[in-house]
C-alpha atoms as a PDB file:
ATOM      1  CA  MET A   1     100.901  30.491  56.939  1.00  0.00           C
ATOM      2  CA  LYS A   2     103.592  28.154  55.678  1.00  0.00           C
ATOM      3  CA  ALA A   3     104.491  24.779  57.135  1.00  0.00           C
ATOM      4  CA  THR A   4     107.924  26.057  58.119  1.00  0.00           C
ATOM      5  CA  GLU A   5     106.354  28.843  60.184  1.00  0.00           C
ATOM      6  CA  ILE A   6     104.074  26.345  61.913  1.00  0.00           C
ATOM      7  CA  ALA A   7     107.060  24.079  62.606  1.00  0.00           C
ATOM      8  CA  LYS A   8     108.857  26.993  64.265  1.00  0.00           C
ATOM      9  CA  ILE A   9     105.814  27.650  66.460  1.00  0.00           C
ATOM     10  CA  ARG A  10     105.679  23.956  67.447  1.00  0.00           C
ATOM     11  CA  GLU A  11     109.256  24.227  68.781  1.00  0.00           C
ATOM     12  CA  LEU A  12     108.307  26.966  71.259  1.00  0.00           C
ATOM     13  CA  SER A  13     107.858  26.190  74.954  1.00  0.00           C
ATOM     14  CA  ASP A  14     104.530  26.628  76.737  1.00  0.00           C
ATOM     15  CA  ALA A  15     105.580  29.967  78.225  1.00  0.00           C
ATOM     16  CA  GLU A  16     106.715  31.226  74.833  1.00  0.00           C
ATOM     17  CA  LEU A  17     103.417  30.121  73.277  1.00  0.00           C
ATOM     18  CA  VAL A  18     101.457  32.046  75.912  1.00  0.00           C
ATOM     19  CA  SER A  19     103.614  35.101  75.292  1.00  0.00           C
ATOM     20  CA  LYS A  20     103.156  34.827  71.508  1.00  0.00           C
ATOM     21  CA  LEU A  21      99.391  34.435  71.929  1.00  0.00           C
ATOM     22  CA  ASP A  22      99.283  37.536  74.119  1.00  0.00           C
ATOM     23  CA  ASP A  23     101.283  39.528  71.548  1.00  0.00           C
ATOM     24  CA  LEU A  24      99.011  38.379  68.720  1.00  0.00           C
ATOM     25  CA  LYS A  25      95.888  39.342  70.655  1.00  0.00           C
ATOM     26  CA  LYS A  26      97.316  42.805  71.296  1.00  0.00           C
ATOM     27  CA  GLU A  27      98.163  43.152  67.604  1.00  0.00           C
ATOM     28  CA  LEU A  28      94.643  42.072  66.629  1.00  0.00           C
ATOM     29  CA  PHE A  29      93.164  44.653  68.999  1.00  0.00           C
ATOM     30  CA  ASN A  30      95.333  47.388  67.469  1.00  0.00           C
ATOM     31  CA  LEU A  31      94.424  46.309  63.940  1.00  0.00           C
ATOM     32  CA  ARG A  32      90.717  46.365  64.773  1.00  0.00           C
ATOM     33  CA  PHE A  33      91.091  49.825  66.259  1.00  0.00           C
ATOM     34  CA  GLN A  34      92.925  51.066  63.144  1.00  0.00           C
ATOM     35  CA  HIS A  35      90.210  49.521  60.990  1.00  0.00           C
ATOM     36  CA  ALA A  36      87.498  51.314  62.970  1.00  0.00           C
ATOM     37  CA  VAL A  37      89.106  54.724  62.395  1.00  0.00           C
ATOM     38  CA  ASN A  38      89.906  53.976  58.737  1.00  0.00           C
ATOM     39  CA  GLN A  39      93.689  53.989  59.163  1.00  0.00           C
ATOM     40  CA  LEU A  40      94.339  50.334  58.358  1.00  0.00           C
ATOM     41  CA  ASP A  41      96.852  49.945  55.526  1.00  0.00           C
ATOM     42  CA  ASN A  42      96.529  46.201  54.962  1.00  0.00           C
ATOM     43  CA  PRO A  43      93.100  44.740  55.852  1.00  0.00           C
ATOM     44  CA  MET A  44      94.309  41.216  55.017  1.00  0.00           C
ATOM     45  CA  ARG A  45      96.569  41.406  58.073  1.00  0.00           C
ATOM     46  CA  LEU A  46      93.439  41.024  60.242  1.00  0.00           C
ATOM     47  CA  LYS A  47      92.759  37.634  58.687  1.00  0.00           C
ATOM     48  CA  ALA A  48      96.394  36.561  58.984  1.00  0.00           C
ATOM     49  CA  VAL A  49      96.595  37.469  62.682  1.00  0.00           C
ATOM     50  CA  LYS A  50      93.354  35.595  63.424  1.00  0.00           C
ATOM     51  CA  LYS A  51      94.761  32.531  61.684  1.00  0.00           C
ATOM     52  CA  GLU A  52      98.037  32.781  63.630  1.00  0.00           C
ATOM     53  CA  ILE A  53      96.055  32.940  66.887  1.00  0.00           C
ATOM     54  CA  ALA A  54      94.164  29.806  65.867  1.00  0.00           C
ATOM     55  CA  VAL A  55      97.411  27.976  65.060  1.00  0.00           C
ATOM     56  CA  VAL A  56      98.969  28.912  68.410  1.00  0.00           C
ATOM     57  CA  LYS A  57      95.852  27.832  70.312  1.00  0.00           C
ATOM     58  CA  THR A  58      95.749  24.544  68.398  1.00  0.00           C
ATOM     59  CA  ILE A  59      99.386  23.794  69.194  1.00  0.00           C
ATOM     60  CA  MET A  60      98.815  24.679  72.853  1.00  0.00           C
ATOM     61  CA  ARG A  61      95.902  22.233  72.963  1.00  0.00           C
ATOM     62  CA  GLU A  62      97.975  19.515  71.259  1.00  0.00           C
ATOM     63  CA  ASN A  63     100.697  19.971  73.861  1.00  0.00           C
ATOM     64  CA  GLU A  64      98.110  19.792  76.632  1.00  0.00           C
ATOM     65  CA  LEU A  65      96.734  16.510  75.282  1.00  0.00           C
ATOM     66  CA  LYS A  66     100.244  15.061  74.933  1.00  0.00           C
ATOM     67  CA  ALA A  67     100.940  15.920  78.565  1.00  0.00           C
ATOM     68  CA  GLN A  68      97.804  14.103  79.698  1.00  0.00           C
ATOM     69  CA  ALA A  69      98.639  10.940  77.779  1.00  0.00           C
END
């Protein structure tokens, strides 16, 4: 994931971050299901989606800590 993509995620509001996280979790579920039935075209997408989820959660936590301070 490039720095420009992360910067775009940082600009999102809290509601948009929650929505993006929900979409990524649904995508990860679908990818895992495709992997289980041997229909997954790009197995590296699993890793990329997991990393995107981690980035979104990290940014959400950063925003939460900023709000407390």
